[in-house]
């Protein structure tokens, strides 16, 4: 009887695991997007500072 319960819990854990993996993949994708956005903002800021005659370090 305990075996049956363990098997059911195992199935539940596997499903949760699959969900976590999907969420993980989403997080990784978002993580990859942020450096690109940061770089775009950095370039934009540099251009704006340059336009105002502020030396860019």
C-alpha atoms as a PDB file:
ATOM      1  CA  UNK A   1       0.000   0.000   0.000  1.00  0.00           C
ATOM      2  CA  UNK A   2       2.806   2.367   0.879  1.00  0.00           C
ATOM      3  CA  UNK A   3       4.353   1.518  -2.458  1.00  0.00           C
ATOM      4  CA  UNK A   4       1.279   2.739  -4.317  1.00  0.00           C
ATOM      5  CA  UNK A   5       1.338   6.030  -2.393  1.00  0.00           C
ATOM      6  CA  UNK A   6       5.024   6.497  -3.157  1.00  0.00           C
ATOM      7  CA  UNK A   7       4.396   5.895  -6.836  1.00  0.00           C
ATOM      8  CA  UNK A   8       1.635   8.486  -6.891  1.00  0.00           C
ATOM      9  CA  UNK A   9       3.863  11.018  -5.129  1.00  0.00           C
ATOM     10  CA  UNK A  10       6.596  10.186  -7.621  1.00  0.00           C
ATOM     11  CA  UNK A  11       4.297  11.006 -10.516  1.00  0.00           C
ATOM     12  CA  UNK A  12       3.326  14.298  -8.857  1.00  0.00           C
ATOM     13  CA  UNK A  13       6.986  15.179  -8.280  1.00  0.00           C
ATOM     14  CA  UNK A  14       7.815  14.429 -11.899  1.00  0.00           C
ATOM     15  CA  UNK A  15       5.023  16.720 -13.067  1.00  0.00           C
ATOM     16  CA  UNK A  16       6.219  19.497 -10.754  1.00  0.00           C
ATOM     17  CA  UNK A  17       9.735  18.915 -12.020  1.00  0.00           C
ATOM     18  CA  UNK A  18       8.580  19.360 -15.598  1.00  0.00           C
ATOM     19  CA  UNK A  19       6.837  22.604 -14.642  1.00  0.00           C
ATOM     20  CA  UNK A  20       9.969  23.872 -12.903  1.00  0.00           C
ATOM     21  CA  UNK A  21      12.056  23.061 -15.953  1.00  0.00           C
ATOM     22  CA  UNK A  22       9.700  25.046 -18.159  1.00  0.00           C
ATOM     23  CA  UNK A  23       9.822  28.005 -15.778  1.00  0.00           C
ATOM     24  CA  UNK A  24      13.595  27.678 -15.707  1.00  0.00           C
ATOM     25  CA  UNK A  25      13.728  27.837 -19.479  1.00  0.00           C
ATOM     26  CA  UNK A  26      11.545  30.957 -19.455  1.00  0.00           C
ATOM     27  CA  UNK A  27      13.802  32.581 -16.858  1.00  0.00           C
ATOM     28  CA  UNK A  28      16.870  31.784 -18.929  1.00  0.00           C
ATOM     29  CA  UNK A  29      15.301  33.386 -21.978  1.00  0.00           C
ATOM     30  CA  UNK A  30      14.443  36.520 -20.008  1.00  0.00           C
ATOM     31  CA  UNK A  31      17.975  36.566 -18.591  1.00  0.00           C
ATOM     32  CA  UNK A  32      19.351  36.485 -22.110  1.00  0.00           C
ATOM     33  CA  UNK A  33      17.151  39.425 -23.118  1.00  0.00           C
ATOM     34  CA  UNK A  34      18.284  41.713 -20.305  1.00  0.00           C
ATOM     35  CA  UNK A  35      21.960  42.133 -21.305  1.00  0.00           C
ATOM     36  CA  UNK A  36      20.820  43.016 -24.830  1.00  0.00           C
ATOM     37  CA  UNK A  37      18.417  45.632 -23.461  1.00  0.00           C
ATOM     38  CA  UNK A  38      21.103  46.953 -21.119  1.00  0.00           C
ATOM     39  CA  UNK A  39      23.516  47.286 -24.008  1.00  0.00           C
ATOM     40  CA  UNK A  40      20.931  49.189 -26.080  1.00  0.00           C
ATOM     41  CA  UNK A  41      20.331  51.592 -23.199  1.00  0.00           C
ATOM     42  CA  UNK A  42      24.065  52.015 -22.697  1.00  0.00           C
ATOM     43  CA  UNK A  43      24.512  53.013 -26.348  1.00  0.00           C
ATOM     44  CA  UNK A  44      21.501  55.335 -26.167  1.00  0.00           C
ATOM     45  CA  UNK A  45      22.851  56.996 -23.012  1.00  0.00           C
ATOM     46  CA  UNK A  46      26.281  57.393 -24.566  1.00  0.00           C
ATOM     47  CA  UNK A  47      24.772  59.074 -27.615  1.00  0.00           C
ATOM     48  CA  UNK A  48      22.692  61.419 -25.480  1.00  0.00           C
ATOM     49  CA  UNK A  49      25.644  62.364 -23.270  1.00  0.00           C
ATOM     50  CA  UNK A  50      27.777  62.890 -26.343  1.00  0.00           C
ATOM     51  CA  UNK A  51      25.101  65.119 -27.852  1.00  0.00           C
ATOM     52  CA  UNK A  52      25.122  67.286 -24.730  1.00  0.00           C
ATOM     53  CA  UNK A  53      28.892  67.594 -24.862  1.00  0.00           C
ATOM     54  CA  UNK A  54      29.502  65.580 -21.710  1.00  0.00           C
ATOM     55  CA  UNK A  55      32.686  63.507 -21.922  1.00  0.00           C
ATOM     56  CA  UNK A  56      31.850  59.812 -21.847  1.00  0.00           C
ATOM     57  CA  UNK A  57      34.201  57.755 -19.694  1.00  0.00           C
END
